[in-house]
Amino acid sequence: VAGVTLANGGDNIGVYTPVFLSVEPLAAVAYCIVFLALVAVLVALAKFVATRPPIAEVLERWEHILFPI
């Protein structure tokens, strides 16, 4: 599992490591705060969409196929 995770994230390591090493610490903190805020927005949006009755019915019907994908 660790090998697959590292292989899938290798491009991210190659891109973001130089970025984080070349900016001031305050900028790195700002990047992290913006990232976490946008993840929270994405999760809230996903929860909102998934709890709409017509969409929830489709998700429940097809979850055994959709979620593994």
PDB file of N, CA and C in Angstrom:
ATOM      1  N   VAL A   1       0.830  -1.196   0.000  1.00  0.00           N
ATOM      2  CA  VAL A   1       0.000   0.000   0.000  1.00  0.00           C
ATOM      3  C   VAL A   1       0.870   1.254   0.000  1.00  0.00           C
ATOM      4  N   ALA A   2       1.901   1.251   0.789  1.00  0.00           N
ATOM      5  CA  ALA A   2       2.788   2.421   0.842  1.00  0.00           C
ATOM      6  C   ALA A   2       3.454   2.657  -0.505  1.00  0.00           C
ATOM      7  N   GLY A   3       3.844   1.592  -1.180  1.00  0.00           N
ATOM      8  CA  GLY A   3       4.479   1.736  -2.485  1.00  0.00           C
ATOM      9  C   GLY A   3       3.551   2.334  -3.519  1.00  0.00           C
ATOM     10  N   VAL A   4       2.302   1.874  -3.527  1.00  0.00           N
ATOM     11  CA  VAL A   4       1.318   2.422  -4.465  1.00  0.00           C
ATOM     12  C   VAL A   4       1.033   3.883  -4.138  1.00  0.00           C
ATOM     13  N   THR A   5       0.917   4.189  -2.862  1.00  0.00           N
ATOM     14  CA  THR A   5       0.679   5.569  -2.453  1.00  0.00           C
ATOM     15  C   THR A   5       1.831   6.467  -2.890  1.00  0.00           C
ATOM     16  N   LEU A   6       3.040   6.014  -2.684  1.00  0.00           N
ATOM     17  CA  LEU A   6       4.206   6.797  -3.088  1.00  0.00           C
ATOM     18  C   LEU A   6       4.273   6.934  -4.609  1.00  0.00           C
ATOM     19  N   ALA A   7       3.960   5.860  -5.331  1.00  0.00           N
ATOM     20  CA  ALA A   7       3.977   5.919  -6.795  1.00  0.00           C
ATOM     21  C   ALA A   7       2.922   6.877  -7.327  1.00  0.00           C
ATOM     22  N   ASN A   8       1.734   6.851  -6.745  1.00  0.00           N
ATOM     23  CA  ASN A   8       0.667   7.751  -7.185  1.00  0.00           C
ATOM     24  C   ASN A   8       0.958   9.200  -6.824  1.00  0.00           C
ATOM     25  N   GLY A   9       1.670   9.422  -5.746  1.00  0.00           N
ATOM     26  CA  GLY A   9       1.940  10.780  -5.307  1.00  0.00           C
ATOM     27  C   GLY A   9       3.316  11.287  -5.684  1.00  0.00           C
ATOM     28  N   GLY A  10       4.040  10.533  -6.462  1.00  0.00           N
ATOM     29  CA  GLY A  10       5.392  10.931  -6.837  1.00  0.00           C
ATOM     30  C   GLY A  10       5.452  12.255  -7.560  1.00  0.00           C
ATOM     31  N   ASP A  11       4.499  12.495  -8.441  1.00  0.00           N
ATOM     32  CA  ASP A  11       4.500  13.772  -9.151  1.00  0.00           C
ATOM     33  C   ASP A  11       4.213  14.918  -8.197  1.00  0.00           C
ATOM     34  N   ASN A  12       3.376  14.684  -7.209  1.00  0.00           N
ATOM     35  CA  ASN A  12       3.105  15.728  -6.228  1.00  0.00           C
ATOM     36  C   ASN A  12       4.350  16.032  -5.391  1.00  0.00           C
ATOM     37  N   ILE A  13       5.086  14.999  -5.039  1.00  0.00           N
ATOM     38  CA  ILE A  13       6.309  15.206  -4.271  1.00  0.00           C
ATOM     39  C   ILE A  13       7.303  16.008  -5.109  1.00  0.00           C
ATOM     40  N   GLY A  14       7.413  15.675  -6.374  1.00  0.00           N
ATOM     41  CA  GLY A  14       8.344  16.367  -7.256  1.00  0.00           C
ATOM     42  C   GLY A  14       7.996  17.814  -7.514  1.00  0.00           C
ATOM     43  N   VAL A  15       6.713  18.143  -7.437  1.00  0.00           N
ATOM     44  CA  VAL A  15       6.275  19.522  -7.699  1.00  0.00           C
ATOM     45  C   VAL A  15       6.240  20.344  -6.419  1.00  0.00           C
ATOM     46  N   TYR A  16       5.631  19.794  -5.381  1.00  0.00           N
ATOM     47  CA  TYR A  16       5.386  20.609  -4.193  1.00  0.00           C
ATOM     48  C   TYR A  16       6.582  20.738  -3.268  1.00  0.00           C
ATOM     49  N   THR A  17       7.486  19.788  -3.264  1.00  0.00           N
ATOM     50  CA  THR A  17       8.665  19.912  -2.405  1.00  0.00           C
ATOM     51  C   THR A  17       9.482  21.154  -2.753  1.00  0.00           C
ATOM     52  N   PRO A  18       9.814  21.395  -4.033  1.00  0.00           N
ATOM     53  CA  PRO A  18      10.543  22.625  -4.343  1.00  0.00           C
ATOM     54  C   PRO A  18       9.742  23.894  -4.036  1.00  0.00           C
ATOM     55  N   VAL A  19       8.432  23.828  -4.225  1.00  0.00           N
ATOM     56  CA  VAL A  19       7.605  25.007  -3.932  1.00  0.00           C
ATOM     57  C   VAL A  19       7.677  25.341  -2.449  1.00  0.00           C
ATOM     58  N   PHE A  20       7.479  24.344  -1.607  1.00  0.00           N
ATOM     59  CA  PHE A  20       7.495  24.605  -0.174  1.00  0.00           C
ATOM     60  C   PHE A  20       8.890  24.973   0.328  1.00  0.00           C
ATOM     61  N   LEU A  21       9.923  24.497  -0.320  1.00  0.00           N
ATOM     62  CA  LEU A  21      11.276  24.846   0.100  1.00  0.00           C
ATOM     63  C   LEU A  21      11.700  26.237  -0.356  1.00  0.00           C
ATOM     64  N   SER A  22      11.042  26.763  -1.380  1.00  0.00           N
ATOM     65  CA  SER A  22      11.475  28.049  -1.928  1.00  0.00           C
ATOM     66  C   SER A  22      10.656  29.242  -1.432  1.00  0.00           C
ATOM     67  N   VAL A  23       9.631  29.011  -0.628  1.00  0.00           N
ATOM     68  CA  VAL A  23       8.817  30.126  -0.133  1.00  0.00           C
ATOM     69  C   VAL A  23       9.092  30.355   1.351  1.00  0.00           C
ATOM     70  N   GLU A  24       8.680  31.522   1.802  1.00  0.00           N
ATOM     71  CA  GLU A  24       8.812  31.853   3.224  1.00  0.00           C
ATOM     72  C   GLU A  24       7.878  30.967   4.054  1.00  0.00           C
ATOM     73  N   PRO A  25       8.200  30.745   5.317  1.00  0.00           N
ATOM     74  CA  PRO A  25       7.343  29.908   6.160  1.00  0.00           C
ATOM     75  C   PRO A  25       5.895  30.406   6.241  1.00  0.00           C
ATOM     76  N   LEU A  26       5.709  31.719   6.267  1.00  0.00           N
ATOM     77  CA  LEU A  26       4.351  32.252   6.341  1.00  0.00           C
ATOM     78  C   LEU A  26       3.555  31.905   5.084  1.00  0.00           C
ATOM     79  N   ALA A  27       4.208  31.905   3.932  1.00  0.00           N
ATOM     80  CA  ALA A  27       3.536  31.536   2.685  1.00  0.00           C
ATOM     81  C   ALA A  27       3.155  30.054   2.700  1.00  0.00           C
ATOM     82  N   ALA A  28       4.018  29.206   3.235  1.00  0.00           N
ATOM     83  CA  ALA A  28       3.711  27.782   3.332  1.00  0.00           C
ATOM     84  C   ALA A  28       2.499  27.557   4.242  1.00  0.00           C
ATOM     85  N   VAL A  29       2.435  28.305   5.337  1.00  0.00           N
ATOM     86  CA  VAL A  29       1.281  28.212   6.232  1.00  0.00           C
ATOM     87  C   VAL A  29       0.012  28.672   5.502  1.00  0.00           C
ATOM     88  N   ALA A  30       0.130  29.739   4.727  1.00  0.00           N
ATOM     89  CA  ALA A  30      -1.019  30.230   3.964  1.00  0.00           C
ATOM     90  C   ALA A  30      -1.470  29.187   2.949  1.00  0.00           C
ATOM     91  N   TYR A  31      -0.531  28.524   2.259  1.00  0.00           N
ATOM     92  CA  TYR A  31      -0.885  27.461   1.318  1.00  0.00           C
ATOM     93  C   TYR A  31      -1.673  26.363   2.026  1.00  0.00           C
ATOM     94  N   CYS A  32      -1.201  25.974   3.191  1.00  0.00           N
ATOM     95  CA  CYS A  32      -1.862  24.899   3.947  1.00  0.00           C
ATOM     96  C   CYS A  32      -3.264  25.313   4.396  1.00  0.00           C
ATOM     97  N   ILE A  33      -3.410  26.550   4.851  1.00  0.00           N
ATOM     98  CA  ILE A  33      -4.723  27.030   5.297  1.00  0.00           C
ATOM     99  C   ILE A  33      -5.702  27.076   4.124  1.00  0.00           C
ATOM    100  N   VAL A  34      -5.250  27.589   2.996  1.00  0.00           N
ATOM    101  CA  VAL A  34      -6.118  27.638   1.808  1.00  0.00           C
ATOM    102  C   VAL A  34      -6.493  26.229   1.371  1.00  0.00           C
ATOM    103  N   PHE A  35      -5.538  25.313   1.375  1.00  0.00           N
ATOM    104  CA  PHE A  35      -5.814  23.928   0.992  1.00  0.00           C
ATOM    105  C   PHE A  35      -6.872  23.324   1.905  1.00  0.00           C
ATOM    106  N   LEU A  36      -6.709  23.472   3.221  1.00  0.00           N
ATOM    107  CA  LEU A  36      -7.669  22.900   4.163  1.00  0.00           C
ATOM    108  C   LEU A  36      -9.038  23.551   4.044  1.00  0.00           C
ATOM    109  N   ALA A  37      -9.082  24.850   3.808  1.00  0.00           N
ATOM    110  CA  ALA A  37     -10.358  25.536   3.632  1.00  0.00           C
ATOM    111  C   ALA A  37     -11.078  25.027   2.385  1.00  0.00           C
ATOM    112  N   LEU A  38     -10.338  24.845   1.296  1.00  0.00           N
ATOM    113  CA  LEU A  38     -10.968  24.355   0.071  1.00  0.00           C
ATOM    114  C   LEU A  38     -11.394  22.895   0.188  1.00  0.00           C
ATOM    115  N   VAL A  39     -10.658  22.094   0.946  1.00  0.00           N
ATOM    116  CA  VAL A  39     -11.090  20.721   1.201  1.00  0.00           C
ATOM    117  C   VAL A  39     -12.393  20.733   1.998  1.00  0.00           C
ATOM    118  N   ALA A  40     -12.503  21.617   2.981  1.00  0.00           N
ATOM    119  CA  ALA A  40     -13.736  21.725   3.763  1.00  0.00           C
ATOM    120  C   ALA A  40     -14.909  22.136   2.872  1.00  0.00           C
ATOM    121  N   VAL A  41     -14.682  23.056   1.955  1.00  0.00           N
ATOM    122  CA  VAL A  41     -15.740  23.458   1.017  1.00  0.00           C
ATOM    123  C   VAL A  41     -16.137  22.274   0.144  1.00  0.00           C
ATOM    124  N   LEU A  42     -15.172  21.535  -0.344  1.00  0.00           N
ATOM    125  CA  LEU A  42     -15.457  20.388  -1.196  1.00  0.00           C
ATOM    126  C   LEU A  42     -16.252  19.318  -0.444  1.00  0.00           C
ATOM    127  N   VAL A  43     -15.892  19.051   0.795  1.00  0.00           N
ATOM    128  CA  VAL A  43     -16.607  18.064   1.601  1.00  0.00           C
ATOM    129  C   VAL A  43     -18.036  18.538   1.877  1.00  0.00           C
ATOM    130  N   ALA A  44     -18.206  19.814   2.207  1.00  0.00           N
ATOM    131  CA  ALA A  44     -19.546  20.352   2.454  1.00  0.00           C
ATOM    132  C   ALA A  44     -20.400  20.276   1.191  1.00  0.00           C
ATOM    133  N   LEU A  45     -19.824  20.596   0.052  1.00  0.00           N
ATOM    134  CA  LEU A  45     -20.552  20.510  -1.210  1.00  0.00           C
ATOM    135  C   LEU A  45     -20.930  19.068  -1.522  1.00  0.00           C
ATOM    136  N   ALA A  46     -20.022  18.134  -1.303  1.00  0.00           N
ATOM    137  CA  ALA A  46     -20.308  16.722  -1.540  1.00  0.00           C
ATOM    138  C   ALA A  46     -21.433  16.236  -0.626  1.00  0.00           C
ATOM    139  N   LYS A  47     -21.412  16.658   0.633  1.00  0.00           N
ATOM    140  CA  LYS A  47     -22.470  16.262   1.556  1.00  0.00           C
ATOM    141  C   LYS A  47     -23.805  16.845   1.117  1.00  0.00           C
ATOM    142  N   PHE A  48     -23.794  18.107   0.697  1.00  0.00           N
ATOM    143  CA  PHE A  48     -25.021  18.750   0.234  1.00  0.00           C
ATOM    144  C   PHE A  48     -25.602  18.011  -0.973  1.00  0.00           C
ATOM    145  N   VAL A  49     -24.750  17.702  -1.944  1.00  0.00           N
ATOM    146  CA  VAL A  49     -25.223  17.029  -3.156  1.00  0.00           C
ATOM    147  C   VAL A  49     -25.698  15.613  -2.835  1.00  0.00           C
ATOM    148  N   ALA A  50     -24.946  14.890  -2.015  1.00  0.00           N
ATOM    149  CA  ALA A  50     -25.278  13.499  -1.730  1.00  0.00           C
ATOM    150  C   ALA A  50     -26.529  13.342  -0.881  1.00  0.00           C
ATOM    151  N   THR A  51     -26.940  14.386  -0.190  1.00  0.00           N
ATOM    152  CA  THR A  51     -28.130  14.280   0.651  1.00  0.00           C
ATOM    153  C   THR A  51     -29.404  14.750  -0.054  1.00  0.00           C
ATOM    154  N   ARG A  52     -29.302  15.184  -1.305  1.00  0.00           N
ATOM    155  CA  ARG A  52     -30.510  15.515  -2.076  1.00  0.00           C
ATOM    156  C   ARG A  52     -31.214  14.206  -2.388  1.00  0.00           C
ATOM    157  N   PRO A  53     -32.533  14.104  -2.110  1.00  0.00           N
ATOM    158  CA  PRO A  53     -33.250  12.826  -2.266  1.00  0.00           C
ATOM    159  C   PRO A  53     -33.079  12.137  -3.620  1.00  0.00           C
ATOM    160  N   PRO A  54     -33.219  12.813  -4.757  1.00  0.00           N
ATOM    161  CA  PRO A  54     -33.053  12.073  -6.023  1.00  0.00           C
ATOM    162  C   PRO A  54     -31.634  11.533  -6.208  1.00  0.00           C
ATOM    163  N   ILE A  55     -30.659  12.315  -5.814  1.00  0.00           N
ATOM    164  CA  ILE A  55     -29.262  11.875  -5.951  1.00  0.00           C
ATOM    165  C   ILE A  55     -28.958  10.772  -4.950  1.00  0.00           C
ATOM    166  N   ALA A  56     -29.479  10.895  -3.738  1.00  0.00           N
ATOM    167  CA  ALA A  56     -29.251   9.871  -2.719  1.00  0.00           C
ATOM    168  C   ALA A  56     -29.819   8.525  -3.166  1.00  0.00           C
ATOM    169  N   GLU A  57     -30.975   8.536  -3.821  1.00  0.00           N
ATOM    170  CA  GLU A  57     -31.561   7.286  -4.312  1.00  0.00           C
ATOM    171  C   GLU A  57     -30.661   6.631  -5.364  1.00  0.00           C
ATOM    172  N   VAL A  58     -30.143   7.431  -6.284  1.00  0.00           N
ATOM    173  CA  VAL A  58     -29.250   6.890  -7.311  1.00  0.00           C
ATOM    174  C   VAL A  58     -27.975   6.355  -6.670  1.00  0.00           C
ATOM    175  N   LEU A  59     -27.415   7.100  -5.723  1.00  0.00           N
ATOM    176  CA  LEU A  59     -26.195   6.642  -5.047  1.00  0.00           C
ATOM    177  C   LEU A  59     -26.431   5.338  -4.298  1.00  0.00           C
ATOM    178  N   GLU A  60     -27.577   5.218  -3.631  1.00  0.00           N
ATOM    179  CA  GLU A  60     -27.869   3.988  -2.903  1.00  0.00           C
ATOM    180  C   GLU A  60     -28.050   2.814  -3.855  1.00  0.00           C
ATOM    181  N   ARG A  61     -28.661   3.060  -5.011  1.00  0.00           N
ATOM    182  CA  ARG A  61     -28.902   1.995  -5.980  1.00  0.00           C
ATOM    183  C   ARG A  61     -27.600   1.516  -6.623  1.00  0.00           C
ATOM    184  N   TRP A  62     -26.678   2.440  -6.888  1.00  0.00           N
ATOM    185  CA  TRP A  62     -25.467   2.114  -7.629  1.00  0.00           C
ATOM    186  C   TRP A  62     -24.195   2.156  -6.776  1.00  0.00           C
ATOM    187  N   GLU A  63     -24.317   2.266  -5.450  1.00  0.00           N
ATOM    188  CA  GLU A  63     -23.134   2.437  -4.622  1.00  0.00           C
ATOM    189  C   GLU A  63     -22.153   1.268  -4.721  1.00  0.00           C
ATOM    190  N   HIS A  64     -22.642   0.058  -4.909  1.00  0.00           N
ATOM    191  CA  HIS A  64     -21.742  -1.095  -4.989  1.00  0.00           C
ATOM    192  C   HIS A  64     -20.858  -1.040  -6.238  1.00  0.00           C
ATOM    193  N   ILE A  65     -21.242  -0.249  -7.224  1.00  0.00           N
ATOM    194  CA  ILE A  65     -20.422  -0.080  -8.424  1.00  0.00           C
ATOM    195  C   ILE A  65     -19.640   1.236  -8.379  1.00  0.00           C
ATOM    196  N   LEU A  66     -20.304   2.315  -7.946  1.00  0.00           N
ATOM    197  CA  LEU A  66     -19.694   3.640  -7.976  1.00  0.00           C
ATOM    198  C   LEU A  66     -18.563   3.810  -6.974  1.00  0.00           C
ATOM    199  N   PHE A  67     -18.749   3.372  -5.739  1.00  0.00           N
ATOM    200  CA  PHE A  67     -17.767   3.670  -4.713  1.00  0.00           C
ATOM    201  C   PHE A  67     -16.426   2.946  -4.893  1.00  0.00           C
ATOM    202  N   PRO A  68     -16.407   1.701  -5.356  1.00  0.00           N
ATOM    203  CA  PRO A  68     -15.076   1.118  -5.626  1.00  0.00           C
ATOM    204  C   PRO A  68     -14.330   1.832  -6.747  1.00  0.00           C
ATOM    205  N   ILE A  69     -15.069   2.388  -7.695  1.00  0.00           N
ATOM    206  CA  ILE A  69     -14.425   3.095  -8.802  1.00  0.00           C
ATOM    207  C   ILE A  69     -13.812   4.368  -8.277  1.00  0.00           C
TER     208      ILE A  69
END
